Amino acid sequence: MAYASRLINHSKKLKDVSTLLRRESAATVRYFSNTNRAPLNREDTFGARLGYSSVERISKYSTSTVPVSVSFSTTSTKLSSAMGWPRLGKDFSCSMQSVRGFSSGSDLPPHQEIGMPSLSPTMTEGNIAKWLKKEGDKVAPGEVLCEVETDKATVEMECMEEGFLAKIVKAEGTKEIQVGEVIAITVEEEEDIVKFKDYTPSSTADTTPPKEEPAPPKAESKEEKVEQPSSPPEPKTSKPDAPPTGDRVSASPLAKKLAEDNNVSLSSIKGSGPDGRIVKADIEDYLASGGKEATAKPSKVTDGKVPAMDYVDIPHSQIRKITASRLAFSKQTIPHYYLTVDTCVDKLMGLRSQLNSFQEVSGGKRISINDLVVKAAALALRKVPQCNSSWTDDYIRQFKNVNINVAVQTENGLYVPVVKDADKKGLTTIGEEVRLLAQKAKENSLKPEDYEGGTFTVSNLGGPFGIKQFCAVVNPPQAAILAVGTAEKRVVPGNGPDEFNFSSYMPVTLSCDHRVVDGAIGAEWLKAFKGYIENPESMLL
């Protein structure tokens, strides 16, 4: 009767037979490859009554894609692809692969394996930052299960089905969990929780049978036999200790000549060079010691106490790993070239002083040189839209939105939050957004909508660090990045023969993807940017 009541409780889920027929072939392969499989149980018999095929009745699992809502604190965002990065709006949800298991020989009740979701196109692994539910807790749709640390954000993962958290497979603080790897088990009945105390996810069990097959050990034994001939080079380095084999001794030409001149047998000398090679110093040491204990001298060098290096191993953070992989990809696949110009910033400094005096009267925040640079770059992109583009294998995508990423260095790594539609915003708005985004980056509280969707990047090492000039690495999939150096005073000729003036110049370097931005296009963009910097009043038009 208990079993019949359970079937009635699940009748609503079983009414759509077509969903049950969509089962992965891997489940069947898993069943037949398992030599310890249990006989078909009552649920298989019930499946036979419904008219399922024998293969479907043998299958142990039914796989379905269960949508899992993911929210960032109080706001949620919606995922869509753009530039190879997710573009996020107000509602965000992602799908993750989950496996619903049915009772088998292990007598496990129906359950659901929850895997690590993929929260961005570039995400391959994640960390469990914090579990907000513990084993045995009841979960309902919309409740947060845990916080997942991705490459650039900490994301709350919500549950979409009602049930109970039976087992936490990946404990809090677990790092480098591959996408799809099981992190938790949920059940629908509270009394089923205890049955999963020692449960091992099927994903890990599936990887073990191949190791037990007889074929791999044979292959490994063959590899060992192959490797054995390659191991003699190691004994060869130690053979000079025993002089019997003196036919082939590795020695430098100068060492051989010195040994011949002094009638020294090379087989009686232990080399201190690479792979035990005898060098001139070994012969000289041998002669200096009168031919006694020649082998002990090199050992003194190796056995001598070398001061231990004092160091600290700093684990890679997610942001550093993703930044490293993306920049390595950029330098390996993007044909960079660089254009540098000097921009006179005398008028820009004067305009900034006037605007800041107005800001002080009105109680607003001061405007920085970087704010003016971001505005000038955005307007130059609007004038030369070819630089506001991205490369794909089939076409060049030219963006109508001008979204400027601003590089921000933090203790956790390099962040590039984005100022959306910078060409349409005033200097005050740009300054406020940059300060807010920089603060969030330092607090590691950026959300995906804060750093995704950029079309161009500005990196300023001149203002905060005084770097004169540098070349930045293109931030893929963007086609260009602007590196801003520090402004410095220079002596320039005046109108008369003996007249000299002082002016401030700021060097900037544009790094371009030559597949998208030709040299003439890059030069045209720099000309437009320089025009806005040297005539800043034109930015206000």
Protein backbone atom coordinates (compact mmCIF):
# COMPACT_ATOMS: atom_id res chain seq x y z
CA MET A 1 0.00 0.00 0.00
CA ALA A 2 2.85 2.38 0.79
CA TYR A 3 4.32 1.78 -2.62
CA ALA A 4 0.96 2.32 -4.30
CA SER A 5 0.46 5.60 -2.46
CA ARG A 6 3.87 6.76 -3.61
CA LEU A 7 2.95 5.97 -7.19
CA ILE A 8 -0.23 7.98 -6.81
CA ASN A 9 1.75 10.90 -5.38
CA HIS A 10 3.99 10.86 -8.42
CA SER A 11 1.22 10.28 -10.95
CA LYS A 12 1.21 13.93 -11.98
CA LYS A 13 4.88 13.76 -12.86
CA LEU A 14 4.39 10.48 -14.73
CA LYS A 15 1.49 11.63 -16.86
CA ASP A 16 3.81 13.04 -19.50
CA VAL A 17 5.22 9.80 -20.83
CA SER A 18 7.21 11.58 -23.53
CA THR A 19 9.54 13.13 -20.97
CA LEU A 20 10.30 9.69 -19.54
CA LEU A 21 11.20 8.42 -22.98
CA ARG A 22 13.90 11.11 -23.36
CA ARG A 23 16.62 9.24 -21.48
CA GLU A 24 20.29 9.42 -22.25
CA SER A 25 21.92 6.42 -23.92
CA ALA A 26 24.75 6.79 -21.43
CA ALA A 27 22.48 5.43 -18.72
CA THR A 28 21.95 2.24 -20.69
CA VAL A 29 25.67 1.92 -21.40
CA ARG A 30 26.32 2.41 -17.70
CA TYR A 31 23.89 -0.35 -16.86
CA PHE A 32 25.34 -2.91 -19.25
CA SER A 33 28.94 -2.02 -18.33
CA ASN A 34 28.22 -2.59 -14.64
CA THR A 35 28.89 -6.26 -13.93
CA ASN A 36 27.27 -5.99 -10.48
CA ARG A 37 23.96 -4.62 -11.69
CA ALA A 38 20.89 -5.58 -9.72
CA PRO A 39 17.82 -7.24 -11.26
CA LEU A 40 14.93 -5.09 -12.38
CA ASN A 41 12.78 -3.90 -9.51
CA ARG A 42 9.15 -3.05 -9.08
CA GLU A 43 9.45 0.32 -10.79
CA ASP A 44 10.74 -1.47 -13.85
CA THR A 45 7.71 -3.74 -13.69
CA PHE A 46 5.49 -0.71 -13.41
CA GLY A 47 7.28 0.73 -16.46
CA ALA A 48 6.50 -2.43 -18.36
CA ARG A 49 2.83 -1.94 -17.58
CA LEU A 50 3.03 1.52 -19.07
CA GLY A 51 4.46 0.05 -22.25
CA TYR A 52 8.07 1.20 -21.99
CA SER A 53 10.71 -0.58 -24.07
CA SER A 54 13.07 -3.05 -22.44
CA VAL A 55 15.97 -0.65 -22.84
CA GLU A 56 14.06 2.11 -21.08
CA ARG A 57 13.09 -0.23 -18.27
CA ILE A 58 16.72 -1.22 -17.81
CA SER A 59 17.83 2.41 -17.64
CA LYS A 60 18.53 3.46 -14.08
CA TYR A 61 18.24 7.17 -14.47
CA SER A 62 16.08 9.74 -16.15
CA THR A 63 17.98 12.88 -17.03
CA SER A 64 16.26 16.20 -17.40
CA THR A 65 17.30 19.80 -17.47
CA VAL A 66 15.99 21.60 -14.42
CA PRO A 67 16.08 25.40 -14.50
CA VAL A 68 17.75 26.92 -11.49
CA SER A 69 17.18 30.56 -10.77
CA VAL A 70 20.30 32.45 -9.85
CA SER A 71 20.14 35.89 -8.29
CA PHE A 72 22.79 38.38 -7.29
CA SER A 73 21.87 39.60 -3.78
CA THR A 74 18.54 41.34 -4.08
CA THR A 75 18.51 41.77 -7.83
CA SER A 76 18.51 39.09 -10.48
CA THR A 77 19.76 39.31 -14.03
CA LYS A 78 19.05 37.66 -17.39
CA LEU A 79 21.68 35.88 -19.43
CA SER A 80 22.13 36.38 -23.13
CA SER A 81 25.20 36.03 -25.31
CA ALA A 82 27.08 39.08 -26.52
CA MET A 83 30.71 39.36 -27.55
CA GLY A 84 31.32 35.93 -26.08
CA TRP A 85 30.36 37.28 -22.65
CA PRO A 86 26.97 37.04 -20.98
CA ARG A 87 24.95 40.21 -21.23
CA LEU A 88 22.72 40.63 -18.25
CA GLY A 89 19.54 42.56 -17.76
CA LYS A 90 16.96 42.39 -15.00
CA ASP A 91 16.18 38.68 -14.81
CA PHE A 92 18.87 36.05 -14.87
CA SER A 93 18.40 32.33 -14.85
CA CYS A 94 20.57 29.46 -15.87
CA SER A 95 19.98 25.80 -16.60
CA MET A 96 21.96 23.05 -15.03
CA GLN A 97 22.00 19.36 -15.71
CA SER A 98 20.48 17.32 -12.91
CA VAL A 99 19.92 13.60 -12.68
CA ARG A 100 16.88 12.05 -11.07
CA GLY A 101 17.69 8.58 -9.74
CA PHE A 102 15.18 5.78 -9.16
CA SER A 103 15.50 3.01 -6.61
CA SER A 104 17.69 0.18 -7.78
CA GLY A 105 19.69 -2.61 -6.22
CA SER A 106 20.96 -0.12 -3.63
CA ASP A 107 17.33 0.49 -2.61
CA LEU A 108 17.64 4.27 -2.92
CA PRO A 109 14.43 6.28 -3.21
CA PRO A 110 13.85 8.87 -5.98
CA HIS A 111 16.33 11.73 -5.63
CA GLN A 112 17.90 14.56 -7.58
CA GLU A 113 21.62 15.19 -8.13
CA ILE A 114 22.31 18.93 -8.32
CA GLY A 115 25.40 19.79 -10.34
CA MET A 116 27.62 22.86 -10.42
CA PRO A 117 25.86 25.24 -12.85
CA SER A 118 27.60 27.14 -15.64
CA LEU A 119 26.99 30.80 -14.81
CA SER A 120 28.88 32.34 -17.74
CA PRO A 121 30.25 31.25 -21.12
CA THR A 122 33.81 31.37 -19.77
CA MET A 123 33.10 29.46 -16.56
CA THR A 124 34.57 25.95 -16.38
CA GLU A 125 34.79 25.59 -12.61
CA GLY A 126 33.57 27.28 -9.45
CA ASN A 127 33.97 27.32 -5.67
CA ILE A 128 31.39 26.77 -2.94
CA ALA A 129 31.67 29.99 -0.94
CA LYS A 130 28.92 29.24 1.58
CA TRP A 131 26.05 26.80 2.15
CA LEU A 132 22.92 28.61 3.32
CA LYS A 133 21.07 25.32 3.87
CA LYS A 134 22.27 22.33 5.85
CA GLU A 135 21.57 18.64 5.45
CA GLY A 136 18.02 17.80 6.46
CA ASP A 137 16.63 21.28 5.79
CA LYS A 138 13.49 21.66 3.74
CA VAL A 139 13.92 23.63 0.54
CA ALA A 140 11.29 25.41 -1.48
CA PRO A 141 11.32 27.09 -4.89
CA GLY A 142 13.08 30.47 -4.68
CA GLU A 143 15.09 29.66 -1.56
CA VAL A 144 18.86 30.03 -1.79
CA LEU A 145 20.82 26.78 -1.48
CA CYS A 146 24.37 28.12 -1.55
CA GLU A 147 26.66 30.87 -2.76
CA VAL A 148 28.87 29.94 -5.72
CA GLU A 149 32.08 31.86 -6.38
CA THR A 150 32.65 32.19 -10.12
CA ASP A 151 35.54 33.84 -11.94
CA LYS A 152 34.40 37.39 -11.13
CA ALA A 153 31.37 37.27 -8.83
CA THR A 154 29.75 35.42 -5.95
CA VAL A 155 26.36 34.14 -7.07
CA GLU A 156 23.41 32.88 -5.05
CA MET A 157 21.97 29.62 -6.41
CA GLU A 158 18.28 29.12 -5.76
CA CYS A 159 16.25 25.93 -5.72
CA MET A 160 13.36 25.41 -8.14
CA GLU A 161 11.81 22.25 -6.68
CA GLU A 162 10.34 21.54 -3.26
CA GLY A 163 12.01 18.86 -1.19
CA PHE A 164 14.71 18.21 1.39
CA LEU A 165 18.47 18.62 1.21
CA ALA A 166 19.58 15.02 1.81
CA LYS A 167 23.35 15.34 1.36
CA ILE A 168 25.93 18.03 0.70
CA VAL A 169 28.48 16.39 -1.57
CA LYS A 170 30.84 19.39 -1.87
CA ALA A 171 31.46 21.04 1.48
CA GLU A 172 31.69 24.75 2.08
CA GLY A 173 35.01 26.10 0.86
CA THR A 174 35.55 23.40 -1.77
CA LYS A 175 37.40 24.88 -4.73
CA GLU A 176 37.81 24.11 -8.43
CA ILE A 177 34.55 22.17 -8.83
CA GLN A 178 34.04 21.40 -12.50
CA VAL A 179 30.82 22.52 -14.16
CA GLY A 180 28.30 19.66 -13.99
CA GLU A 181 29.99 17.97 -11.04
CA VAL A 182 27.47 16.94 -8.35
CA ILE A 183 27.43 19.24 -5.33
CA ALA A 184 24.25 18.14 -3.49
CA ILE A 185 21.40 15.61 -3.36
CA THR A 186 17.74 16.47 -2.74
CA VAL A 187 14.82 14.13 -2.03
CA GLU A 188 11.08 14.63 -1.92
CA GLU A 189 10.30 12.73 1.28
CA GLU A 190 11.84 13.62 4.62
CA GLU A 191 12.16 9.99 5.73
CA ASP A 192 14.45 9.34 2.73
CA ILE A 193 17.20 11.64 4.00
CA VAL A 194 18.91 9.00 6.18
CA LYS A 195 19.29 6.67 3.19
CA PHE A 196 21.79 9.08 1.61
CA LYS A 197 24.20 9.30 4.53
CA ASP A 198 26.90 7.32 2.70
CA TYR A 199 25.71 8.06 -0.82
CA THR A 200 28.29 8.44 -3.59
CA PRO A 201 27.19 10.45 -6.65
CA SER A 202 26.76 8.48 -9.83
CA SER A 203 29.09 10.90 -11.65
CA THR A 204 32.01 9.75 -9.50
CA ALA A 205 30.96 6.13 -9.68
CA ASP A 206 30.87 6.26 -13.43
CA THR A 207 34.53 7.16 -13.61
CA THR A 208 35.72 4.16 -11.61
CA PRO A 209 34.71 1.14 -13.79
CA PRO A 210 37.14 1.94 -16.63
CA LYS A 211 40.03 1.66 -14.18
CA GLU A 212 38.93 -1.89 -13.30
CA GLU A 213 38.86 -3.07 -16.90
CA PRO A 214 41.65 -5.49 -17.80
CA ALA A 215 42.79 -3.52 -20.87
CA PRO A 216 44.28 -0.44 -19.15
CA PRO A 217 46.57 -2.47 -16.85
CA LYS A 218 48.04 -4.20 -19.92
CA ALA A 219 48.62 -0.85 -21.53
CA GLU A 220 50.23 0.43 -18.35
CA SER A 221 52.49 -2.60 -18.15
CA LYS A 222 53.54 -2.03 -21.75
CA GLU A 223 54.30 1.56 -20.95
CA GLU A 224 56.42 0.46 -18.02
CA LYS A 225 58.36 -1.88 -20.29
CA VAL A 226 58.89 0.92 -22.73
CA GLU A 227 59.99 3.29 -20.03
CA GLN A 228 62.53 0.85 -18.59
CA PRO A 229 65.01 1.32 -21.46
CA SER A 230 64.77 5.07 -20.97
CA SER A 231 65.76 4.76 -17.29
CA PRO A 232 69.43 3.70 -17.81
CA PRO A 233 70.58 7.33 -18.30
CA GLU A 234 70.02 7.82 -14.59
CA PRO A 235 72.40 5.00 -13.54
CA LYS A 236 74.92 6.26 -16.11
CA THR A 237 75.40 9.42 -14.09
CA SER A 238 76.29 7.36 -11.04
CA LYS A 239 78.49 4.81 -12.86
CA PRO A 240 81.62 6.99 -12.59
CA ASP A 241 81.58 6.00 -8.87
CA ALA A 242 82.58 2.49 -9.96
CA PRO A 243 85.46 2.62 -12.42
CA PRO A 244 84.92 -0.73 -14.27
CA THR A 245 83.18 0.84 -17.29
CA GLY A 246 85.56 3.44 -18.59
CA ASP A 247 84.93 3.17 -22.32
CA ARG A 248 82.41 6.00 -22.64
CA VAL A 249 82.95 8.89 -20.28
CA SER A 250 81.25 12.23 -20.82
CA ALA A 251 83.77 15.05 -20.65
CA SER A 252 84.31 18.44 -22.24
CA PRO A 253 87.04 18.75 -24.92
CA LEU A 254 89.11 21.00 -22.66
CA ALA A 255 88.83 18.48 -19.81
CA LYS A 256 89.92 15.63 -22.09
CA LYS A 257 92.94 17.63 -23.31
CA LEU A 258 93.94 18.51 -19.74
CA ALA A 259 93.56 14.88 -18.65
CA GLU A 260 95.70 13.63 -21.53
CA ASP A 261 98.45 16.15 -20.81
CA ASN A 262 98.61 15.02 -17.17
CA ASN A 263 98.03 11.27 -17.78
CA VAL A 264 94.80 11.27 -15.75
CA SER A 265 92.19 8.53 -16.26
CA LEU A 266 88.78 10.07 -16.76
CA SER A 267 87.06 6.96 -15.38
CA SER A 268 88.42 7.74 -11.92
CA ILE A 269 86.88 11.22 -11.83
CA LYS A 270 83.29 12.09 -11.02
CA GLY A 271 81.99 14.95 -13.14
CA SER A 272 80.22 17.93 -11.63
CA GLY A 273 78.74 19.18 -14.92
CA PRO A 274 75.27 18.52 -16.38
CA ASP A 275 74.37 14.79 -16.35
CA GLY A 276 77.70 13.99 -14.65
CA ARG A 277 79.85 15.48 -17.39
CA ILE A 278 83.50 16.06 -16.50
CA VAL A 279 84.62 19.65 -16.90
CA LYS A 280 87.97 21.43 -16.62
CA ALA A 281 87.43 22.28 -12.94
CA ASP A 282 87.07 18.57 -12.07
CA ILE A 283 90.47 17.78 -13.61
CA GLU A 284 92.08 20.73 -11.81
CA ASP A 285 90.58 19.62 -8.48
CA TYR A 286 91.85 16.11 -9.09
CA LEU A 287 95.35 17.36 -9.79
CA ALA A 288 95.30 19.73 -6.81
CA SER A 289 94.40 16.87 -4.46
CA GLY A 290 97.18 14.72 -5.83
CA GLY A 291 94.72 12.26 -7.30
CA LYS A 292 93.30 11.30 -3.92
CA GLU A 293 89.60 11.35 -3.10
CA ALA A 294 88.83 13.09 -6.34
CA THR A 295 85.26 11.93 -6.19
CA ALA A 296 84.71 13.47 -2.79
CA LYS A 297 85.32 17.05 -3.89
CA PRO A 298 82.32 17.33 -6.24
CA SER A 299 80.14 15.73 -3.60
CA LYS A 300 81.19 18.45 -1.17
CA VAL A 301 79.72 20.96 -3.57
CA THR A 302 76.42 19.11 -3.75
CA ASP A 303 76.37 18.21 -0.07
CA GLY A 304 77.24 21.73 1.02
CA LYS A 305 74.53 23.53 2.91
CA VAL A 306 72.80 26.00 0.64
CA PRO A 307 70.73 28.68 2.39
CA ALA A 308 67.08 27.72 2.17
CA MET A 309 64.88 30.04 0.14
CA ASP A 310 62.23 31.81 2.17
CA TYR A 311 58.96 32.08 0.22
CA VAL A 312 55.19 31.98 0.49
CA ASP A 313 52.88 30.15 -1.97
CA ILE A 314 49.83 32.29 -2.71
CA PRO A 315 46.90 30.27 -4.10
CA HIS A 316 45.39 31.47 -7.36
CA SER A 317 42.10 33.31 -6.99
CA GLN A 318 39.36 32.75 -9.55
CA ILE A 319 39.83 36.25 -10.99
CA ARG A 320 43.58 35.73 -11.42
CA LYS A 321 43.10 32.38 -13.15
CA ILE A 322 40.52 33.69 -15.60
CA THR A 323 42.56 36.85 -16.24
CA ALA A 324 45.67 34.76 -16.92
CA SER A 325 43.86 32.45 -19.33
CA ARG A 326 42.20 35.31 -21.24
CA LEU A 327 45.38 37.38 -21.56
CA ALA A 328 47.38 34.35 -22.65
CA PHE A 329 44.68 33.67 -25.24
CA SER A 330 44.86 37.32 -26.32
CA LYS A 331 48.64 37.38 -26.86
CA GLN A 332 48.64 34.01 -28.61
CA THR A 333 45.74 34.58 -31.00
CA ILE A 334 45.33 38.35 -31.51
CA PRO A 335 47.82 40.12 -33.82
CA HIS A 336 48.65 43.19 -31.73
CA TYR A 337 50.11 46.44 -32.99
CA TYR A 338 50.59 49.72 -31.15
CA LEU A 339 50.15 53.42 -31.93
CA THR A 340 51.40 56.17 -29.62
CA VAL A 341 50.73 59.92 -29.63
CA ASP A 342 51.47 62.79 -27.24
CA THR A 343 48.47 64.90 -26.29
CA CYS A 344 48.77 68.42 -24.91
CA VAL A 345 46.58 68.63 -21.81
CA ASP A 346 46.97 72.32 -20.89
CA LYS A 347 43.41 73.21 -21.93
CA LEU A 348 42.11 69.99 -20.37
CA MET A 349 43.67 70.92 -17.02
CA GLY A 350 42.18 74.39 -17.25
CA LEU A 351 38.68 73.08 -18.02
CA ARG A 352 38.95 70.55 -15.19
CA SER A 353 39.84 73.33 -12.73
CA GLN A 354 36.81 75.37 -13.79
CA LEU A 355 34.45 72.40 -13.56
CA ASN A 356 35.76 71.41 -10.14
CA SER A 357 35.19 74.93 -8.84
CA PHE A 358 31.55 74.57 -9.89
CA GLN A 359 31.42 71.13 -8.27
CA GLU A 360 32.70 72.51 -4.96
CA VAL A 361 30.02 75.18 -4.92
CA SER A 362 27.25 72.69 -5.68
CA GLY A 363 28.64 70.04 -3.34
CA GLY A 364 29.44 67.55 -6.11
CA LYS A 365 32.40 65.21 -6.43
CA ARG A 366 35.57 66.38 -8.14
CA ILE A 367 36.16 65.41 -11.76
CA SER A 368 39.39 63.54 -12.50
CA ILE A 369 41.58 63.45 -15.57
CA ASN A 370 40.56 59.83 -16.03
CA ASP A 371 36.88 60.85 -16.24
CA LEU A 372 37.74 63.23 -19.08
CA VAL A 373 39.79 60.49 -20.78
CA VAL A 374 36.87 58.05 -20.62
CA LYS A 375 34.53 60.66 -22.08
CA ALA A 376 36.99 61.55 -24.88
CA ALA A 377 37.51 57.85 -25.72
CA ALA A 378 33.74 57.26 -25.88
CA LEU A 379 33.20 60.22 -28.22
CA ALA A 380 36.11 59.12 -30.42
CA LEU A 381 34.53 55.66 -30.69
CA ARG A 382 31.29 57.25 -31.78
CA LYS A 383 33.19 59.20 -34.45
CA VAL A 384 35.26 56.16 -35.57
CA PRO A 385 32.94 53.18 -34.94
CA GLN A 386 35.31 50.70 -36.63
CA CYS A 387 37.28 50.62 -33.37
CA ASN A 388 34.09 49.82 -31.45
CA SER A 389 34.00 46.32 -32.92
CA SER A 390 34.70 42.67 -32.25
CA TRP A 391 36.19 39.89 -34.39
CA THR A 392 34.42 36.60 -35.13
CA ASP A 393 35.33 33.87 -37.60
CA ASP A 394 32.44 34.81 -39.89
CA TYR A 395 32.11 38.57 -39.54
CA ILE A 396 33.16 41.73 -37.69
CA ARG A 397 30.51 42.84 -35.22
CA GLN A 398 30.31 46.64 -34.92
CA PHE A 399 28.53 47.82 -31.77
CA LYS A 400 26.19 50.78 -31.60
CA ASN A 401 26.53 51.02 -27.81
CA VAL A 402 29.73 52.58 -26.49
CA ASN A 403 30.53 50.75 -23.24
CA ILE A 404 33.92 51.60 -21.72
CA ASN A 405 35.67 49.13 -19.39
CA VAL A 406 37.96 50.83 -16.86
CA ALA A 407 40.83 48.74 -15.48
CA VAL A 408 40.93 48.64 -11.66
CA GLN A 409 43.71 46.91 -9.71
CA THR A 410 42.76 45.27 -6.39
CA GLU A 411 44.32 42.87 -3.91
CA ASN A 412 42.33 40.05 -5.51
CA GLY A 413 43.48 40.85 -9.05
CA LEU A 414 42.59 43.02 -12.03
CA TYR A 415 38.94 43.97 -12.59
CA VAL A 416 37.49 45.84 -15.56
CA PRO A 417 34.07 47.24 -14.58
CA VAL A 418 32.10 48.87 -17.40
CA VAL A 419 30.53 52.29 -17.83
CA LYS A 420 27.56 51.70 -20.14
CA ASP A 421 26.75 54.25 -22.87
CA ALA A 422 29.62 56.49 -21.79
CA ASP A 423 29.23 58.65 -24.90
CA LYS A 424 25.78 59.74 -23.71
CA LYS A 425 26.66 60.50 -20.09
CA GLY A 426 28.02 63.64 -18.50
CA LEU A 427 31.34 63.91 -16.73
CA THR A 428 29.73 63.94 -13.29
CA THR A 429 27.80 60.74 -13.99
CA ILE A 430 30.89 59.03 -15.42
CA GLY A 431 32.96 60.03 -12.39
CA GLU A 432 30.35 58.76 -9.91
CA GLU A 433 30.00 55.42 -11.73
CA VAL A 434 33.76 54.87 -11.96
CA ARG A 435 34.22 55.57 -8.23
CA LEU A 436 31.32 53.28 -7.29
CA LEU A 437 32.53 50.46 -9.54
CA ALA A 438 36.11 50.79 -8.30
CA GLN A 439 34.91 50.56 -4.69
CA LYS A 440 32.82 47.46 -5.47
CA ALA A 441 35.81 45.90 -7.22
CA LYS A 442 38.02 46.42 -4.16
CA GLU A 443 35.30 44.88 -1.98
CA ASN A 444 34.94 41.94 -4.41
CA SER A 445 31.23 42.68 -4.71
CA LEU A 446 30.93 43.31 -8.45
CA LYS A 447 27.97 41.69 -10.17
CA PRO A 448 28.15 40.38 -13.74
CA GLU A 449 26.23 43.35 -15.07
CA ASP A 450 28.97 45.58 -13.60
CA TYR A 451 31.78 44.19 -15.76
CA GLU A 452 30.22 42.46 -18.80
CA GLY A 453 29.20 43.95 -22.12
CA GLY A 454 32.16 46.30 -22.65
CA THR A 455 33.24 47.27 -26.16
CA PHE A 456 36.50 49.17 -25.40
CA THR A 457 38.91 49.36 -22.44
CA VAL A 458 40.87 52.22 -20.86
CA SER A 459 43.86 51.41 -18.64
CA ASN A 460 45.40 54.36 -16.80
CA LEU A 461 48.72 53.77 -15.04
CA GLY A 462 49.91 57.34 -15.44
CA GLY A 463 47.70 59.11 -12.91
CA PRO A 464 47.95 56.71 -9.93
CA PHE A 465 51.46 55.29 -10.56
CA GLY A 466 53.31 57.84 -12.69
CA ILE A 467 54.05 55.40 -15.53
CA LYS A 468 55.30 57.42 -18.50
CA GLN A 469 54.16 55.11 -21.29
CA PHE A 470 53.16 51.46 -21.71
CA CYS A 471 51.42 49.04 -24.09
CA ALA A 472 48.33 47.24 -22.80
CA VAL A 473 47.10 43.79 -23.86
CA VAL A 474 43.84 43.73 -25.85
CA ASN A 475 40.93 42.51 -23.74
CA PRO A 476 39.17 39.90 -25.91
CA PRO A 477 36.74 39.91 -27.59
CA GLN A 478 37.30 43.67 -27.88
CA ALA A 479 39.45 45.04 -30.71
CA ALA A 480 41.36 47.83 -28.92
CA ILE A 481 42.53 49.11 -25.55
CA LEU A 482 43.94 52.54 -24.63
CA ALA A 483 46.96 52.79 -22.30
CA VAL A 484 47.26 56.21 -20.63
CA GLY A 485 50.59 57.49 -19.28
CA THR A 486 51.35 60.33 -16.90
CA ALA A 487 51.25 63.99 -17.90
CA GLU A 488 54.56 65.81 -17.66
CA LYS A 489 55.76 69.34 -18.41
CA ARG A 490 57.99 69.85 -21.42
CA VAL A 491 59.85 72.80 -22.91
CA VAL A 492 58.44 73.72 -26.32
CA PRO A 493 59.58 76.42 -28.77
CA GLY A 494 57.77 79.75 -28.67
CA ASN A 495 56.96 82.22 -31.43
CA GLY A 496 60.30 84.03 -31.35
CA PRO A 497 63.77 82.60 -31.98
CA ASP A 498 64.73 82.79 -28.30
CA GLU A 499 61.29 82.13 -26.81
CA PHE A 500 60.39 78.94 -24.99
CA ASN A 501 57.17 77.83 -23.32
CA PHE A 502 56.16 75.07 -20.95
CA SER A 503 53.33 72.67 -21.78
CA SER A 504 52.01 69.45 -20.25
CA TYR A 505 51.87 66.40 -22.48
CA MET A 506 50.21 63.06 -21.80
CA PRO A 507 51.31 60.07 -23.95
CA VAL A 508 48.68 57.50 -24.86
CA THR A 509 49.14 54.17 -26.67
CA LEU A 510 46.39 52.39 -28.56
CA SER A 511 46.76 48.59 -28.77
CA CYS A 512 44.77 47.21 -31.71
CA ASP A 513 43.66 43.88 -33.09
CA HIS A 514 44.92 44.13 -36.68
CA ARG A 515 42.19 41.74 -37.87
CA VAL A 516 39.58 44.38 -37.02
CA VAL A 517 41.38 47.73 -36.83
CA ASP A 518 43.78 48.56 -39.66
CA GLY A 519 46.66 50.93 -39.01
CA ALA A 520 44.95 53.86 -40.73
CA ILE A 521 41.75 53.28 -38.75
CA GLY A 522 43.69 53.18 -35.48
CA ALA A 523 45.48 56.41 -36.44
CA GLU A 524 42.16 58.04 -37.31
CA TRP A 525 40.76 57.11 -33.90
CA LEU A 526 43.81 58.53 -32.11
CA LYS A 527 43.46 61.74 -34.13
CA ALA A 528 39.84 62.07 -32.98
CA PHE A 529 40.78 61.28 -29.36
CA LYS A 530 43.63 63.82 -29.42
CA GLY A 531 41.27 66.44 -30.81
CA TYR A 532 38.88 65.99 -27.87
CA ILE A 533 41.73 66.06 -25.31
CA GLU A 534 43.42 69.16 -26.73
CA ASN A 535 40.10 70.95 -27.33
CA PRO A 536 38.01 69.69 -24.40
CA GLU A 537 35.23 72.24 -24.97
CA SER A 538 34.21 70.17 -28.00
CA MET A 539 33.23 67.33 -25.65
CA LEU A 540 30.50 69.54 -24.21
CA LEU A 541 28.80 70.12 -27.56
